[in-house]
Amino acid sequence: MKTFKLIPVFLLLLLASCSPVSVYSDYDKSVDFTPYKTYAFFKPGIDKVEISDLDKRRILHAIDSQMQAKGFTKSDNPDMLINIFTKSREQVDVNQFSAGWGYGWGWGWNPYMMYGGQTTVSTSTQGTLFIDFIDAKKKEMIWQGEGIGTLTKNADKKDEKVNEFVTKILTQYPPVKK
């Protein structure tokens, strides 16, 4: 009976752990974001980002699309500058599964194993995208968004993944003060 009560909790945890992109943001609480209407990319910062030019263009295009959808205009004399930064790391997951039935020890290990177990190892690349908004006149960061998720090497799915990262990050801009 206890096993059946734990199954929904286990499934919920499993689904939550598969969430594609986790997002966070931080901002200067003294800043009024309403005057910011125009933007430009901070070229010196973007040039330093160590990813392929194709991936840079994907990210910048996705940011352009989201900013325009929010009513912002790209300008040669912007209110704010947008910079990006990325980092990645290899994630190794080791999963061990053993199951059986018997008396006394519950689900998992017991002396009457019917199934010896299986170990699987998988690797993935965990990526982080930072999007920084900088006040163009003061040259101070006013907002930073961060997205963390699994990256893909499949060229056909990169646009989709980049759009997912950028869209989820920029849903938190402008910040809602409580």
Protein backbone atom coordinates (compact mmCIF):
# COMPACT_ATOMS: atom_id res chain seq x y z
CA MET A 1 0.00 0.00 0.00
CA LYS A 2 2.85 2.41 0.80
CA THR A 3 4.35 1.80 -2.63
CA PHE A 4 1.22 3.05 -4.40
CA LYS A 5 1.20 6.27 -2.38
CA LEU A 6 4.83 6.96 -3.29
CA ILE A 7 4.39 6.42 -7.04
CA PRO A 8 2.69 9.82 -7.70
CA VAL A 9 5.37 11.61 -5.64
CA PHE A 10 8.11 9.75 -7.52
CA LEU A 11 6.56 10.63 -10.90
CA LEU A 12 6.23 14.27 -9.89
CA LEU A 13 9.90 14.40 -8.88
CA LEU A 14 10.89 12.66 -12.11
CA LEU A 15 8.95 15.15 -14.23
CA ALA A 16 10.30 18.12 -12.28
CA SER A 17 13.87 16.91 -12.75
CA CYS A 18 13.30 16.76 -16.52
CA SER A 19 12.38 20.44 -16.70
CA PRO A 20 14.21 21.67 -19.78
CA VAL A 21 15.42 25.12 -18.68
CA SER A 22 15.65 26.63 -15.20
CA VAL A 23 15.69 30.42 -15.09
CA TYR A 24 16.74 32.99 -12.54
CA SER A 25 17.08 36.74 -12.59
CA ASP A 26 18.48 39.55 -10.50
CA TYR A 27 18.15 43.30 -10.83
CA ASP A 28 18.98 46.64 -9.28
CA LYS A 29 15.96 47.36 -7.10
CA SER A 30 16.57 51.12 -7.22
CA VAL A 31 16.11 51.26 -11.01
CA ASP A 32 12.86 52.34 -12.67
CA PHE A 33 12.62 50.15 -15.79
CA THR A 34 9.79 52.06 -17.49
CA PRO A 35 12.00 54.63 -19.33
CA TYR A 36 13.97 51.91 -21.12
CA LYS A 37 12.52 51.57 -24.62
CA THR A 38 15.51 51.03 -26.93
CA TYR A 39 18.43 48.62 -26.95
CA ALA A 40 21.58 47.60 -28.81
CA PHE A 41 23.97 44.71 -28.41
CA PHE A 42 27.22 45.30 -26.54
CA LYS A 43 29.57 44.19 -29.30
CA PRO A 44 32.87 44.20 -27.28
CA GLY A 45 31.33 41.84 -24.73
CA ILE A 46 29.63 39.59 -27.26
CA ASP A 47 32.85 39.26 -29.27
CA LYS A 48 34.52 37.74 -26.19
CA VAL A 49 31.93 34.96 -25.82
CA GLU A 50 33.61 31.65 -26.65
CA ILE A 51 30.95 29.92 -28.73
CA SER A 52 30.56 29.50 -32.46
CA ASP A 53 29.45 32.45 -34.56
CA LEU A 54 26.43 30.40 -35.59
CA ASP A 55 25.35 29.98 -31.96
CA LYS A 56 25.97 33.68 -31.26
CA ARG A 57 23.71 34.62 -34.18
CA ARG A 58 21.05 32.20 -32.92
CA ILE A 59 21.11 33.79 -29.47
CA LEU A 60 21.13 37.38 -30.75
CA HIS A 61 18.31 36.67 -33.20
CA ALA A 62 16.22 35.09 -30.42
CA ILE A 63 16.87 38.09 -28.14
CA ASP A 64 15.92 40.48 -30.98
CA SER A 65 12.65 38.61 -31.53
CA GLN A 66 11.74 38.60 -27.85
CA MET A 67 12.65 42.24 -27.28
CA GLN A 68 10.63 43.38 -30.30
CA ALA A 69 7.69 41.26 -29.12
CA LYS A 70 7.91 43.13 -25.80
CA GLY A 71 7.75 46.48 -27.64
CA PHE A 72 11.44 47.44 -27.50
CA THR A 73 13.23 48.98 -30.49
CA LYS A 74 16.78 48.34 -31.63
CA SER A 75 18.65 51.64 -31.86
CA ASP A 76 22.01 53.26 -32.64
CA ASN A 77 21.48 55.47 -29.58
CA PRO A 78 20.01 52.95 -27.09
CA ASP A 79 18.74 53.30 -23.54
CA MET A 80 20.32 49.99 -22.65
CA LEU A 81 22.96 47.62 -23.94
CA ILE A 82 22.52 43.86 -24.02
CA ASN A 83 25.43 41.53 -23.39
CA ILE A 84 25.57 37.74 -23.24
CA PHE A 85 27.84 35.25 -21.54
CA THR A 86 27.81 31.47 -21.74
CA LYS A 87 29.38 28.56 -19.93
CA SER A 88 29.00 24.82 -20.17
CA ARG A 89 30.03 21.64 -18.40
CA GLU A 90 29.71 17.93 -19.00
CA GLN A 91 27.22 16.17 -16.78
CA VAL A 92 27.61 12.44 -16.13
CA ASP A 93 24.61 10.53 -14.80
CA VAL A 94 25.02 7.02 -13.39
CA ASN A 95 21.79 5.13 -12.77
CA GLN A 96 21.62 1.78 -11.06
CA PHE A 97 18.44 -0.24 -11.10
CA SER A 98 17.81 -3.45 -9.23
CA ALA A 99 14.45 -4.89 -8.40
CA GLY A 100 12.97 -8.04 -7.01
CA TRP A 101 10.59 -9.31 -4.44
CA GLY A 102 11.01 -11.12 -1.22
CA TYR A 103 10.36 -10.86 2.45
CA GLY A 104 11.38 -8.12 4.86
CA TRP A 105 13.41 -5.51 3.00
CA GLY A 106 10.83 -3.87 0.74
CA TRP A 107 11.46 -2.59 -2.76
CA GLY A 108 15.05 -2.63 -3.92
CA TRP A 109 17.58 -4.99 -2.42
CA ASN A 110 16.76 -8.35 -0.91
CA PRO A 111 18.25 -11.84 -0.83
CA TYR A 112 15.63 -13.24 -3.21
CA MET A 113 16.50 -11.10 -6.22
CA MET A 114 14.88 -12.07 -9.45
CA TYR A 115 16.74 -9.42 -11.37
CA GLY A 116 20.43 -8.78 -10.87
CA GLY A 117 20.40 -5.10 -11.79
CA GLN A 118 21.54 -2.79 -14.50
CA THR A 119 23.80 0.24 -14.53
CA THR A 120 23.54 2.91 -17.20
CA VAL A 121 25.84 5.85 -17.72
CA SER A 122 24.83 8.84 -19.79
CA THR A 123 26.50 12.15 -20.48
CA SER A 124 25.05 15.47 -21.50
CA THR A 125 26.24 19.04 -21.78
CA GLN A 126 24.75 21.41 -19.23
CA GLY A 127 24.76 24.98 -20.53
CA THR A 128 24.19 28.35 -18.90
CA LEU A 129 23.22 31.50 -20.78
CA PHE A 130 23.45 34.88 -19.06
CA ILE A 131 21.72 37.90 -20.59
CA ASP A 132 22.82 41.22 -19.09
CA PHE A 133 21.03 44.56 -19.51
CA ILE A 134 23.28 47.56 -18.99
CA ASP A 135 22.21 51.18 -18.64
CA ALA A 136 23.84 52.75 -21.72
CA LYS A 137 24.51 56.15 -20.11
CA LYS A 138 25.70 55.02 -16.67
CA LYS A 139 27.44 51.84 -17.96
CA GLU A 140 25.97 49.90 -15.00
CA MET A 141 24.25 46.52 -15.09
CA ILE A 142 20.58 46.91 -14.22
CA TRP A 143 19.27 43.38 -14.85
CA GLN A 144 20.67 39.88 -15.37
CA GLY A 145 18.82 36.79 -16.48
CA GLU A 146 20.22 33.27 -16.33
CA GLY A 147 19.02 30.09 -17.98
CA ILE A 148 20.41 26.64 -17.22
CA GLY A 149 19.56 23.53 -19.21
CA THR A 150 20.76 20.66 -21.34
CA LEU A 151 22.25 21.60 -24.69
CA THR A 152 21.92 19.73 -27.95
CA LYS A 153 24.49 19.07 -30.65
CA ASN A 154 21.77 18.35 -33.20
CA ALA A 155 21.90 21.29 -35.64
CA ASP A 156 18.20 20.89 -36.49
CA LYS A 157 17.19 21.40 -32.84
CA LYS A 158 19.64 24.17 -31.86
CA ASP A 159 17.33 27.02 -32.95
CA GLU A 160 14.50 25.53 -30.91
CA LYS A 161 16.71 25.09 -27.83
CA VAL A 162 18.17 28.61 -28.06
CA ASN A 163 14.68 30.10 -28.45
CA GLU A 164 13.53 28.13 -25.40
CA PHE A 165 16.43 29.47 -23.30
CA VAL A 166 15.99 33.09 -24.40
CA THR A 167 12.19 33.09 -24.17
CA LYS A 168 12.18 31.68 -20.66
CA ILE A 169 14.90 34.06 -19.47
CA LEU A 170 13.26 37.16 -20.92
CA THR A 171 9.84 36.33 -19.47
CA GLN A 172 11.35 37.70 -16.26
CA TYR A 173 12.10 41.10 -17.80
CA PRO A 174 11.09 43.71 -16.86
CA PRO A 175 11.07 42.66 -13.22
CA VAL A 176 7.86 43.00 -11.24
CA LYS A 177 8.55 44.84 -8.01
CA LYS A 178 6.57 43.53 -5.05
